[in-house]
Amino acid sequence: MTILEPKPGERVMDVRFDDDTMSVDLADGRTITVPLAWYPRLLDATPAQRGNWQICGAGFGIHWPDIDEDLSAPGLLAGAPAPRRPETVRP
């Protein structure tokens, strides 16, 4: 497993949403835009829940307390969608 070492410019400055995407502004001026479909908890959240986010992880992470979701700037930069839950096998 590779550990992603954050760089100072990768600190989260702002987060915003439209109907289909999330955009995260970083301290170095970059903006990461990813599809909400990558993050089912955010996709299913209300606009108010999405808007209630906090910077965490020494500035390199984002936490949504209402839906218990956490993302990191290095993970977003790596293009890492949320892990899929295993399918439930029905008898």
N, C-alpha and C. Protein backbone atom coordinates (compact mmCIF):
# COMPACT_ATOMS: atom_id res chain seq x y z
N MET A 1 0.84 -1.17 0.00
CA MET A 1 0.00 0.00 0.00
C MET A 1 0.89 1.24 0.00
N THR A 2 0.49 2.22 -0.79
CA THR A 2 1.23 3.46 -0.88
C THR A 2 0.60 4.49 0.05
N ILE A 3 1.43 5.15 0.82
CA ILE A 3 0.97 6.21 1.70
C ILE A 3 1.19 7.53 0.97
N LEU A 4 0.14 8.33 0.85
CA LEU A 4 0.23 9.60 0.18
C LEU A 4 0.65 10.68 1.16
N GLU A 5 1.80 11.28 0.91
CA GLU A 5 2.30 12.34 1.78
C GLU A 5 1.77 13.68 1.29
N PRO A 6 0.98 14.36 2.08
CA PRO A 6 0.45 15.66 1.64
C PRO A 6 1.55 16.72 1.58
N LYS A 7 1.38 17.65 0.65
CA LYS A 7 2.28 18.78 0.51
C LYS A 7 1.56 20.03 1.01
N PRO A 8 2.28 21.03 1.49
CA PRO A 8 1.63 22.21 2.07
C PRO A 8 0.57 22.84 1.16
N GLY A 9 0.80 22.87 -0.13
CA GLY A 9 -0.16 23.48 -1.05
C GLY A 9 -1.45 22.70 -1.22
N GLU A 10 -1.49 21.48 -0.68
CA GLU A 10 -2.66 20.63 -0.80
C GLU A 10 -3.67 20.83 0.33
N ARG A 11 -3.45 21.83 1.16
CA ARG A 11 -4.41 22.11 2.23
C ARG A 11 -5.74 22.57 1.64
N VAL A 12 -6.82 22.10 2.23
CA VAL A 12 -8.17 22.42 1.77
C VAL A 12 -8.53 23.85 2.20
N MET A 13 -9.05 24.62 1.23
CA MET A 13 -9.47 25.99 1.52
C MET A 13 -11.00 26.14 1.45
N ASP A 14 -11.63 25.45 0.50
CA ASP A 14 -13.08 25.60 0.34
C ASP A 14 -13.62 24.35 -0.35
N VAL A 15 -14.91 24.10 -0.13
CA VAL A 15 -15.62 22.98 -0.74
C VAL A 15 -16.95 23.51 -1.23
N ARG A 16 -17.33 23.13 -2.45
CA ARG A 16 -18.64 23.53 -2.97
C ARG A 16 -19.20 22.42 -3.87
N PHE A 17 -20.49 22.47 -4.06
CA PHE A 17 -21.19 21.42 -4.80
C PHE A 17 -22.08 22.02 -5.86
N ASP A 18 -22.29 21.25 -6.93
CA ASP A 18 -23.41 21.52 -7.83
C ASP A 18 -24.22 20.22 -7.86
N ASP A 19 -25.10 20.07 -8.80
CA ASP A 19 -25.98 18.89 -8.80
C ASP A 19 -25.23 17.57 -8.94
N ASP A 20 -24.10 17.58 -9.66
CA ASP A 20 -23.41 16.33 -9.98
C ASP A 20 -21.98 16.23 -9.50
N THR A 21 -21.40 17.34 -9.04
CA THR A 21 -19.98 17.32 -8.69
C THR A 21 -19.69 18.03 -7.38
N MET A 22 -18.51 17.72 -6.85
CA MET A 22 -17.96 18.42 -5.70
C MET A 22 -16.65 19.04 -6.16
N SER A 23 -16.41 20.29 -5.79
CA SER A 23 -15.16 20.98 -6.11
C SER A 23 -14.48 21.38 -4.81
N VAL A 24 -13.18 21.11 -4.74
CA VAL A 24 -12.39 21.43 -3.56
C VAL A 24 -11.25 22.34 -3.98
N ASP A 25 -11.19 23.54 -3.40
CA ASP A 25 -10.12 24.48 -3.67
C ASP A 25 -8.97 24.22 -2.71
N LEU A 26 -7.76 24.19 -3.25
CA LEU A 26 -6.56 23.95 -2.46
C LEU A 26 -5.77 25.23 -2.28
N ALA A 27 -4.90 25.24 -1.29
CA ALA A 27 -4.11 26.43 -0.95
C ALA A 27 -3.21 26.87 -2.10
N ASP A 28 -2.77 25.95 -2.96
CA ASP A 28 -1.88 26.32 -4.05
C ASP A 28 -2.60 26.83 -5.29
N GLY A 29 -3.93 26.99 -5.19
CA GLY A 29 -4.70 27.54 -6.30
C GLY A 29 -5.39 26.51 -7.17
N ARG A 30 -5.07 25.24 -7.00
CA ARG A 30 -5.75 24.20 -7.77
C ARG A 30 -7.15 23.97 -7.25
N THR A 31 -8.02 23.51 -8.14
CA THR A 31 -9.36 23.08 -7.78
C THR A 31 -9.53 21.66 -8.29
N ILE A 32 -9.95 20.77 -7.40
CA ILE A 32 -10.22 19.38 -7.75
C ILE A 32 -11.74 19.26 -7.90
N THR A 33 -12.21 18.76 -9.02
CA THR A 33 -13.63 18.53 -9.22
C THR A 33 -13.83 17.05 -9.49
N VAL A 34 -14.71 16.44 -8.69
CA VAL A 34 -14.97 15.00 -8.80
C VAL A 34 -16.47 14.75 -8.87
N PRO A 35 -16.88 13.64 -9.49
CA PRO A 35 -18.30 13.33 -9.54
C PRO A 35 -18.83 12.90 -8.17
N LEU A 36 -20.00 13.38 -7.81
CA LEU A 36 -20.61 12.96 -6.56
C LEU A 36 -20.90 11.46 -6.55
N ALA A 37 -21.09 10.88 -7.72
CA ALA A 37 -21.35 9.44 -7.81
C ALA A 37 -20.21 8.62 -7.20
N TRP A 38 -19.02 9.18 -7.09
CA TRP A 38 -17.89 8.48 -6.46
C TRP A 38 -18.08 8.34 -4.95
N TYR A 39 -18.91 9.19 -4.37
CA TYR A 39 -19.07 9.23 -2.91
C TYR A 39 -20.56 9.12 -2.56
N PRO A 40 -21.07 7.90 -2.45
CA PRO A 40 -22.51 7.68 -2.24
C PRO A 40 -23.10 8.44 -1.04
N ARG A 41 -22.36 8.56 0.04
CA ARG A 41 -22.90 9.29 1.20
C ARG A 41 -23.15 10.75 0.86
N LEU A 42 -22.23 11.35 0.11
CA LEU A 42 -22.43 12.74 -0.30
C LEU A 42 -23.52 12.85 -1.35
N LEU A 43 -23.58 11.90 -2.26
CA LEU A 43 -24.61 11.90 -3.30
C LEU A 43 -26.00 11.84 -2.68
N ASP A 44 -26.17 11.02 -1.65
CA ASP A 44 -27.46 10.84 -0.99
C ASP A 44 -27.77 11.90 0.06
N ALA A 45 -26.79 12.73 0.40
CA ALA A 45 -26.98 13.74 1.45
C ALA A 45 -27.83 14.91 0.93
N THR A 46 -28.46 15.59 1.88
CA THR A 46 -29.19 16.80 1.53
C THR A 46 -28.19 17.94 1.29
N PRO A 47 -28.62 19.00 0.61
CA PRO A 47 -27.72 20.15 0.45
C PRO A 47 -27.23 20.70 1.80
N ALA A 48 -28.09 20.70 2.81
CA ALA A 48 -27.67 21.19 4.13
C ALA A 48 -26.59 20.29 4.73
N GLN A 49 -26.74 18.98 4.57
CA GLN A 49 -25.73 18.05 5.09
C GLN A 49 -24.41 18.22 4.35
N ARG A 50 -24.46 18.40 3.05
CA ARG A 50 -23.24 18.62 2.26
C ARG A 50 -22.56 19.92 2.68
N GLY A 51 -23.37 20.92 2.97
CA GLY A 51 -22.83 22.22 3.34
C GLY A 51 -22.23 22.28 4.73
N ASN A 52 -22.52 21.30 5.55
CA ASN A 52 -21.97 21.25 6.92
C ASN A 52 -20.70 20.42 6.92
N TRP A 53 -19.62 21.02 6.44
CA TRP A 53 -18.32 20.33 6.38
C TRP A 53 -17.32 21.09 7.24
N GLN A 54 -16.27 20.36 7.63
CA GLN A 54 -15.21 20.93 8.46
C GLN A 54 -13.87 20.48 7.89
N ILE A 55 -12.89 21.38 7.96
CA ILE A 55 -11.52 21.00 7.61
C ILE A 55 -10.95 20.21 8.78
N CYS A 56 -10.29 19.11 8.49
CA CYS A 56 -9.70 18.27 9.53
C CYS A 56 -8.35 17.75 9.05
N GLY A 57 -7.74 16.89 9.81
CA GLY A 57 -6.48 16.27 9.40
C GLY A 57 -5.39 17.27 9.09
N ALA A 58 -5.19 18.22 10.01
CA ALA A 58 -4.16 19.26 9.87
C ALA A 58 -4.34 20.08 8.61
N GLY A 59 -5.58 20.16 8.11
CA GLY A 59 -5.88 20.97 6.94
C GLY A 59 -5.95 20.20 5.65
N PHE A 60 -5.64 18.91 5.68
CA PHE A 60 -5.59 18.10 4.47
C PHE A 60 -6.83 17.22 4.28
N GLY A 61 -7.80 17.32 5.19
CA GLY A 61 -8.98 16.48 5.10
C GLY A 61 -10.25 17.29 5.22
N ILE A 62 -11.35 16.64 4.86
CA ILE A 62 -12.68 17.24 4.96
C ILE A 62 -13.57 16.23 5.69
N HIS A 63 -14.32 16.74 6.67
CA HIS A 63 -15.22 15.87 7.45
C HIS A 63 -16.63 16.44 7.39
N TRP A 64 -17.60 15.54 7.14
CA TRP A 64 -19.02 15.89 7.17
C TRP A 64 -19.64 15.17 8.36
N PRO A 65 -19.84 15.86 9.49
CA PRO A 65 -20.32 15.20 10.71
C PRO A 65 -21.73 14.62 10.58
N ASP A 66 -22.58 15.26 9.79
CA ASP A 66 -23.96 14.79 9.68
C ASP A 66 -24.08 13.43 9.00
N ILE A 67 -23.12 13.11 8.13
CA ILE A 67 -23.20 11.85 7.39
C ILE A 67 -21.99 10.95 7.64
N ASP A 68 -21.12 11.35 8.57
CA ASP A 68 -19.94 10.59 8.95
C ASP A 68 -19.08 10.22 7.73
N GLU A 69 -18.76 11.22 6.93
CA GLU A 69 -17.91 11.04 5.75
C GLU A 69 -16.63 11.83 5.92
N ASP A 70 -15.52 11.25 5.49
CA ASP A 70 -14.22 11.89 5.55
C ASP A 70 -13.50 11.66 4.23
N LEU A 71 -12.93 12.72 3.68
CA LEU A 71 -12.12 12.63 2.47
C LEU A 71 -10.83 13.40 2.70
N SER A 72 -9.79 13.02 1.95
CA SER A 72 -8.51 13.73 2.06
C SER A 72 -8.15 14.35 0.72
N ALA A 73 -7.44 15.47 0.77
CA ALA A 73 -6.97 16.11 -0.45
C ALA A 73 -6.06 15.17 -1.24
N PRO A 74 -5.09 14.48 -0.59
CA PRO A 74 -4.27 13.54 -1.37
C PRO A 74 -5.09 12.44 -2.05
N GLY A 75 -6.11 11.95 -1.37
CA GLY A 75 -6.96 10.93 -1.98
C GLY A 75 -7.73 11.48 -3.16
N LEU A 76 -8.25 12.70 -3.04
CA LEU A 76 -8.95 13.33 -4.15
C LEU A 76 -8.00 13.56 -5.33
N LEU A 77 -6.78 14.01 -5.04
CA LEU A 77 -5.80 14.23 -6.10
C LEU A 77 -5.41 12.93 -6.80
N ALA A 78 -5.45 11.83 -6.06
CA ALA A 78 -5.13 10.52 -6.66
C ALA A 78 -6.30 9.96 -7.44
N GLY A 79 -7.45 10.62 -7.38
CA GLY A 79 -8.62 10.13 -8.10
C GLY A 79 -9.21 8.90 -7.47
N ALA A 80 -9.23 8.88 -6.14
CA ALA A 80 -9.68 7.69 -5.40
C ALA A 80 -11.15 7.81 -5.01
N PRO A 81 -12.05 7.09 -5.72
CA PRO A 81 -13.45 7.07 -5.27
C PRO A 81 -13.60 6.28 -3.98
N ALA A 82 -14.73 6.44 -3.33
CA ALA A 82 -15.01 5.68 -2.10
C ALA A 82 -15.01 4.19 -2.41
N PRO A 83 -14.48 3.38 -1.49
CA PRO A 83 -14.53 1.94 -1.72
C PRO A 83 -15.97 1.46 -1.81
N ARG A 84 -16.19 0.50 -2.68
CA ARG A 84 -17.53 -0.07 -2.82
C ARG A 84 -17.76 -1.09 -1.74
N ARG A 85 -18.98 -1.11 -1.23
CA ARG A 85 -19.34 -2.13 -0.24
C ARG A 85 -19.57 -3.44 -0.98
N PRO A 86 -19.16 -4.55 -0.38
CA PRO A 86 -19.40 -5.83 -1.04
C PRO A 86 -20.90 -6.09 -1.20
N GLU A 87 -21.24 -6.70 -2.30
CA GLU A 87 -22.64 -7.06 -2.55
C GLU A 87 -23.08 -8.09 -1.52
N THR A 88 -24.31 -7.94 -1.03
CA THR A 88 -24.86 -8.91 -0.09
C THR A 88 -25.39 -10.10 -0.89
N VAL A 89 -24.94 -11.28 -0.50
CA VAL A 89 -25.38 -12.49 -1.15
C VAL A 89 -26.68 -12.94 -0.51
N ARG A 90 -27.71 -13.10 -1.32
CA ARG A 90 -29.00 -13.51 -0.80
C ARG A 90 -29.20 -14.99 -1.08
N PRO A 91 -29.80 -15.70 -0.11
CA PRO A 91 -30.02 -17.14 -0.34
C PRO A 91 -31.09 -17.39 -1.37
